[in-house]
Protein backbone atom coordinates (compact mmCIF):
# COMPACT_ATOMS: atom_id res chain seq x y z
CA MET A 1 5.81 21.15 11.02
CA LYS A 2 6.56 23.89 13.55
CA THR A 3 5.94 27.60 13.63
CA ALA A 4 8.21 29.99 15.48
CA PRO A 5 6.79 31.02 18.86
CA MET A 6 5.81 34.64 18.73
CA SER A 7 3.86 37.00 20.93
CA ILE A 8 1.97 40.25 20.65
CA ARG A 9 3.82 43.12 22.28
CA GLN A 10 2.27 45.07 25.12
CA GLY A 11 0.66 48.21 23.75
CA GLU A 12 -0.02 46.80 20.29
CA PRO A 13 -3.75 46.90 19.48
CA LEU A 14 -5.44 43.54 19.18
CA THR A 15 -6.56 43.89 15.59
CA ILE A 16 -6.40 42.06 12.29
CA ALA A 17 -3.60 44.42 11.19
CA THR A 18 -1.49 43.54 14.24
CA LEU A 19 -1.91 39.81 13.65
CA LEU A 20 -0.88 40.24 10.03
CA ARG A 21 2.17 42.24 11.02
CA ARG A 22 3.33 39.84 13.73
CA PHE A 23 2.67 36.62 11.79
CA LEU A 24 3.10 37.84 8.22
CA ARG A 25 5.43 35.09 6.97
CA PRO A 26 3.41 32.00 8.01
CA ILE A 27 0.11 33.64 7.06
CA SER A 28 1.49 34.64 3.66
CA LEU A 29 2.52 31.03 3.01
CA THR A 30 -0.96 29.72 3.84
CA TRP A 31 -2.51 32.32 1.55
CA LEU A 32 -0.10 31.49 -1.28
CA GLN A 33 -1.15 27.86 -1.06
CA THR A 34 -4.79 29.00 -1.12
CA LEU A 35 -4.21 31.00 -4.31
CA VAL A 36 -2.55 28.05 -6.05
CA GLU A 37 -5.36 25.72 -4.99
CA THR A 38 -7.99 28.19 -6.15
CA ALA A 39 -6.34 28.81 -9.50
CA LEU A 40 -6.27 25.08 -10.19
CA MET A 41 -9.89 24.73 -9.10
CA ALA A 42 -10.97 27.63 -11.31
CA LEU A 43 -9.48 25.96 -14.39
CA ILE A 44 -11.56 22.82 -14.02
CA PRO A 45 -14.83 23.96 -15.74
CA LEU A 46 -12.87 25.28 -18.72
CA LEU A 47 -10.83 22.08 -18.99
CA ILE A 48 -14.00 19.98 -18.71
CA GLY A 49 -15.46 21.95 -21.61
CA PHE A 50 -12.30 21.39 -23.66
CA ALA A 51 -12.28 17.70 -22.69
CA ILE A 52 -15.88 17.30 -23.89
CA ASP A 53 -15.06 18.81 -27.27
CA GLY A 54 -11.83 16.80 -27.45
CA LEU A 55 -13.48 13.47 -26.67
CA LEU A 56 -16.18 14.16 -29.24
CA ALA A 57 -13.31 14.54 -31.75
CA ASP A 58 -11.47 11.42 -30.41
CA ASP A 59 -8.71 13.59 -28.86
CA THR A 60 -7.75 12.84 -25.22
CA THR A 61 -5.18 15.64 -24.77
CA ALA A 62 -7.55 17.93 -22.85
CA LEU A 63 -8.71 14.99 -20.72
CA LEU A 64 -5.12 14.26 -19.67
CA GLN A 65 -4.58 17.94 -18.87
CA LEU A 66 -7.70 17.84 -16.69
CA ALA A 67 -6.38 14.77 -14.85
CA ALA A 68 -3.03 16.50 -14.20
CA VAL A 69 -4.73 19.58 -12.77
CA LEU A 70 -6.93 17.42 -10.51
CA ALA A 71 -3.86 15.56 -9.21
CA GLY A 72 -2.08 18.83 -8.45
CA LEU A 73 -5.20 20.11 -6.71
CA ILE A 74 -5.26 17.12 -4.35
CA VAL A 75 -1.59 17.55 -3.35
CA VAL A 76 -1.83 21.30 -2.72
CA GLY A 77 -5.11 20.96 -0.83
CA VAL A 78 -3.76 18.33 1.58
CA VAL A 79 -0.53 20.22 2.32
CA ARG A 80 -2.38 23.50 2.90
CA ARG A 81 -4.77 22.00 5.42
CA ILE A 82 -1.97 20.37 7.41
CA TYR A 83 0.00 23.63 7.58
CA ASP A 84 -3.00 25.90 8.30
CA THR A 85 -3.96 24.11 11.51
CA ARG A 86 -0.52 24.64 13.03
CA VAL A 87 -0.12 28.27 11.98
CA TYR A 88 -3.49 29.52 13.16
CA GLY A 89 -3.35 27.46 16.36
CA THR A 90 -0.17 29.35 17.26
CA ILE A 91 -1.82 32.70 16.50
CA ARG A 92 -4.84 31.86 18.67
CA VAL A 93 -2.56 31.10 21.62
CA ALA A 94 -0.72 34.41 21.21
CA LEU A 95 -3.89 36.48 20.89
CA CYS A 96 -5.74 34.85 23.77
CA THR A 97 -2.65 35.18 25.98
CA ALA A 98 -2.48 38.91 25.20
CA LEU A 99 -6.19 39.30 25.94
CA THR A 100 -5.92 37.69 29.36
CA GLU A 101 -2.79 39.69 30.24
CA ARG A 102 -4.64 42.93 29.48
CA ALA A 103 -7.87 41.95 31.23
CA GLY A 104 -6.88 43.63 34.50
CA ASP A 105 -9.77 43.58 36.95
CA SER A 106 -12.44 42.92 34.34
CA PRO A 107 -15.10 40.40 35.42
CA VAL A 108 -14.46 36.78 34.48
CA SER A 109 -17.67 36.87 32.43
CA THR A 110 -16.28 39.67 30.27
CA VAL A 111 -12.85 38.05 29.86
CA ASN A 112 -14.42 34.72 28.94
CA ALA A 113 -16.64 36.31 26.28
CA ARG A 114 -13.78 38.35 24.85
CA LEU A 115 -11.56 35.28 24.53
CA GLY A 116 -14.23 33.84 22.28
CA MET A 117 -14.47 37.10 20.36
CA GLY A 118 -10.68 37.23 19.98
CA ARG A 119 -10.66 33.77 18.45
CA GLU A 120 -13.07 35.09 15.85
CA LEU A 121 -10.30 37.40 14.58
CA VAL A 122 -8.07 34.39 13.93
CA ASP A 123 -10.99 32.47 12.43
CA PHE A 124 -11.41 35.36 10.01
CA LEU A 125 -7.78 35.06 8.89
CA GLU A 126 -7.90 31.27 8.69
CA LEU A 127 -11.31 30.75 7.10
CA GLU A 128 -12.79 33.91 5.66
CA VAL A 129 -9.75 35.68 4.16
CA PRO A 130 -8.70 32.58 2.16
CA GLU A 131 -12.32 32.27 1.04
CA ILE A 132 -12.27 35.92 -0.02
CA MET A 133 -9.03 35.37 -1.93
CA ALA A 134 -10.38 32.22 -3.54
CA SER A 135 -13.56 34.00 -4.53
CA ALA A 136 -11.61 36.95 -5.93
CA VAL A 137 -9.51 34.63 -8.09
CA ARG A 138 -12.55 32.68 -9.24
CA LEU A 139 -14.42 35.92 -9.96
CA ALA A 140 -11.51 37.29 -11.99
CA ILE A 141 -11.14 34.10 -14.01
CA ALA A 142 -14.90 33.86 -14.55
CA LEU A 143 -15.03 37.47 -15.76
CA ILE A 144 -12.06 36.94 -18.10
CA VAL A 145 -13.59 33.79 -19.58
CA LEU A 146 -17.02 35.40 -19.98
CA PHE A 147 -15.43 38.44 -21.64
CA ALA A 148 -13.53 36.15 -23.98
CA PHE A 149 -16.79 34.55 -25.07
CA HIS A 150 -18.67 37.87 -25.38
CA PRO A 151 -18.32 41.32 -23.71
CA VAL A 152 -22.06 41.42 -22.94
CA LEU A 153 -21.67 38.41 -20.63
CA PHE A 154 -18.88 40.24 -18.80
CA HIS A 155 -20.87 43.47 -18.44
CA ALA A 156 -23.91 41.58 -17.13
CA ALA A 157 -21.77 39.97 -14.42
CA LEU A 158 -20.17 43.30 -13.52
CA ALA A 159 -23.57 44.99 -13.21
CA ALA A 160 -24.78 42.17 -10.93
CA THR A 161 -21.73 42.67 -8.68
CA LEU A 162 -22.31 46.41 -8.29
CA LEU A 163 -25.98 45.87 -7.48
CA MET A 164 -25.07 43.23 -4.90
CA VAL A 165 -22.62 45.55 -3.12
CA ALA A 166 -25.21 48.33 -3.08
CA LEU A 167 -27.77 45.99 -1.49
CA TYR A 168 -25.36 45.05 1.30
CA ALA A 169 -24.31 48.65 1.92
CA LEU A 170 -27.90 49.47 2.85
CA CYS A 171 -27.73 47.00 5.76
CA HIS A 172 -24.16 47.46 7.01
CA GLY A 173 -25.12 49.79 9.86
CA ARG A 174 -27.82 47.43 11.09
CA PHE A 175 -25.41 44.46 11.11
CA TYR A 176 -22.86 46.48 13.12
CA ARG A 177 -25.44 47.58 15.71
CA LEU A 178 -26.99 44.12 16.16
CA ASN A 179 -23.57 42.49 16.55
CA GLY A 180 -22.72 45.06 19.19
CA ASP A 181 -25.92 44.22 21.05
CA TYR A 182 -25.12 40.52 20.87
CA ASN A 183 -21.53 40.91 22.09
CA GLN A 184 -22.67 43.20 24.90
CA GLN A 185 -25.10 40.58 26.13
CA SER A 186 -22.66 37.69 25.68
CA GLU A 187 -20.12 39.35 27.97
CA GLN A 188 -22.55 38.89 30.86
CA GLN A 189 -23.22 35.18 30.45
CA VAL A 190 -20.86 33.83 33.12
CA ARG A 191 -22.03 36.49 35.62
CA VAL A 192 -25.66 35.59 34.95
CA LEU A 193 -24.99 31.86 35.34
CA GLU A 194 -23.04 32.40 38.56
CA ALA A 195 -26.04 34.20 40.06
CA ARG A 196 -28.11 31.02 39.52
CA ALA A 197 -31.30 33.06 39.31
CA PRO A 198 -33.76 31.33 36.94
CA ALA A 199 -35.44 34.63 36.07
CA GLY A 200 -32.11 36.27 35.23
CA ILE A 201 -30.93 33.31 33.14
CA LEU A 202 -34.22 33.26 31.22
CA SER A 203 -33.98 37.02 30.61
CA HIS A 204 -30.38 36.67 29.36
CA LEU A 205 -31.17 33.80 27.01
CA THR A 206 -34.28 35.56 25.74
CA ARG A 207 -32.27 38.67 24.90
CA LEU A 208 -29.72 36.60 22.98
CA ARG A 209 -32.52 34.86 21.10
CA ARG A 210 -34.17 38.15 20.23
CA ILE A 211 -30.93 39.57 18.80
CA GLU A 212 -30.17 36.36 16.90
CA ILE A 213 -33.61 36.51 15.28
CA LYS A 214 -33.06 40.11 14.18
CA LEU A 215 -29.66 39.21 12.73
CA SER A 216 -31.08 36.17 10.96
CA ASP A 217 -34.01 38.11 9.50
CA THR A 218 -31.66 40.78 8.17
CA GLU A 219 -29.34 38.15 6.67
CA ALA A 220 -32.29 36.38 5.05
CA ALA A 221 -33.56 39.58 3.45
CA VAL A 222 -30.12 40.51 2.11
CA PHE A 223 -29.46 36.98 0.85
CA GLY A 224 -32.83 36.79 -0.88
CA ALA A 225 -32.32 40.09 -2.69
CA ILE A 226 -28.75 39.26 -3.74
CA PHE A 227 -29.56 35.71 -4.83
CA THR A 228 -32.43 37.03 -6.96
CA VAL A 229 -29.99 39.32 -8.79
CA LEU A 230 -27.47 36.51 -9.34
CA LEU A 231 -30.02 33.99 -10.55
CA GLY A 232 -31.22 36.63 -13.00
CA LEU A 233 -27.62 36.76 -14.27
CA ILE A 234 -27.57 32.98 -14.83
CA LEU A 235 -30.82 33.08 -16.82
CA PHE A 236 -29.64 36.04 -18.89
CA ASN A 237 -26.27 34.45 -19.72
CA LEU A 238 -27.96 31.17 -20.67
CA TRP A 239 -30.38 32.98 -22.97
CA PHE A 240 -27.73 35.25 -24.48
CA SER A 241 -25.13 32.52 -25.07
CA VAL A 242 -27.63 30.30 -26.89
CA THR A 243 -29.26 33.04 -28.98
CA HIS A 244 -26.40 35.47 -29.68
CA VAL A 245 -23.09 33.57 -29.42
CA GLU A 246 -21.79 30.91 -31.79
CA THR A 247 -20.72 28.09 -29.48
CA THR A 248 -20.13 24.35 -29.35
CA VAL A 249 -21.59 22.06 -26.70
CA GLY A 250 -18.37 22.34 -24.70
CA THR A 251 -18.18 26.11 -24.82
CA THR A 252 -21.87 26.46 -23.91
CA PHE A 253 -21.15 24.26 -20.89
CA ALA A 254 -18.15 26.46 -20.02
CA ILE A 255 -20.20 29.68 -20.25
CA ILE A 256 -22.91 28.36 -17.93
CA SER A 257 -20.33 26.81 -15.58
CA TYR A 258 -18.42 30.07 -15.26
CA SER A 259 -21.64 32.02 -14.82
CA TRP A 260 -22.50 29.74 -11.92
CA GLU A 261 -18.92 29.97 -10.68
CA PHE A 262 -19.36 33.72 -10.66
CA VAL A 263 -22.58 33.40 -8.65
CA GLU A 264 -21.01 31.11 -6.03
CA SER A 265 -17.98 33.38 -5.68
CA ALA A 266 -20.05 36.56 -5.57
CA LEU A 267 -22.15 35.19 -2.70
CA VAL A 268 -19.01 35.14 -0.54
CA LEU A 269 -18.76 38.95 -0.70
CA PRO A 270 -21.89 39.84 1.32
CA GLU A 271 -21.03 37.12 3.86
CA THR A 272 -17.55 38.59 4.22
CA LEU A 273 -18.85 42.12 4.57
CA LYS A 274 -21.30 40.93 7.22
CA GLY A 275 -18.44 39.22 9.06
CA TRP A 276 -16.32 42.36 8.85
CA SER A 277 -19.14 44.36 10.43
CA ARG A 278 -19.02 41.98 13.40
CA LEU A 279 -15.20 41.99 13.60
CA SER A 280 -15.10 45.79 13.52
CA GLU A 281 -17.32 45.89 16.59
CA ILE A 282 -15.25 43.18 18.31
CA MET A 283 -11.94 44.96 17.70
CA ALA A 284 -13.37 48.19 19.11
CA ARG A 285 -14.64 46.30 22.15
CA ILE A 286 -11.53 44.28 23.07
CA ASN A 287 -9.32 47.33 22.61
CA GLY A 288 -11.40 49.43 24.99
CA ALA A 289 -13.27 51.52 22.43
CA GLY A 290 -16.53 49.62 22.66
CA ARG A 291 -19.54 50.29 24.82
CA PRO A 292 -19.37 50.19 28.62
CA GLU A 293 -19.56 46.77 30.15
CA ASP A 294 -22.93 45.46 31.06
CA GLY A 295 -21.64 44.72 34.51
CA GLU A 296 -22.38 48.36 35.30
CA ARG A 297 -26.00 47.98 34.20
CA ARG A 298 -28.97 46.49 35.97
CA ASP A 299 -31.06 43.70 34.46
């Protein structure tokens, strides 16, 4: 399976938008496959619920439907993974080639670090955007199913989503700044290693460790707050479905399954927003709008 060789034109900014514009057709095909795979995956809890009720009534129709969906899921999943590797490998080559061509007289340390940063843009398209799309589909289906069972279940999930976004928004600026600090220090790694000064290497590694700890602590605090909100949603939906909604065993299973599906999908959002904070800083840096290079500073 081949992809047409393409390149990024001189003068085009090295951004997510440019990659989408230059490689729109192959990327769109990978994302279409992702949507199909996700839609099939999202149907599984509902079909399991129907299969449970059907088997209890000696009816195997829903069980056969579940088997057909699982078979389709396997085929689509295998084909997508084979195609993705080839498409995004081609994009990485094009982006890294453009980065090196535009490096000019920049230090090797800076170019080396920015090649790694540039690959993160492609990783975002290959890994995170499909995950965002999958989560969006799963969220939409979960909300529709919960609304179908009872509007209160839908409104509880919606309220949890808004609260989660608000919690992340409070920390966006800190994520952006800390990622900038980390990238700034990473650009100096080859230069520091070439100097072969133990004190300088220790100082460099210590700075990276200090920034990583700050990032990790911020992520942990945000995750803890968001997960608390989402677990509260699970407990509320369990209580409400049992005490206020007339359900069978299968539909009760479906309500709890889709509530958990909502939680798993919703947790992707803060991770994506955190990743976008980092990518925003990277795009500014590799396109010359970032902070001055550390090569001009003194350790």
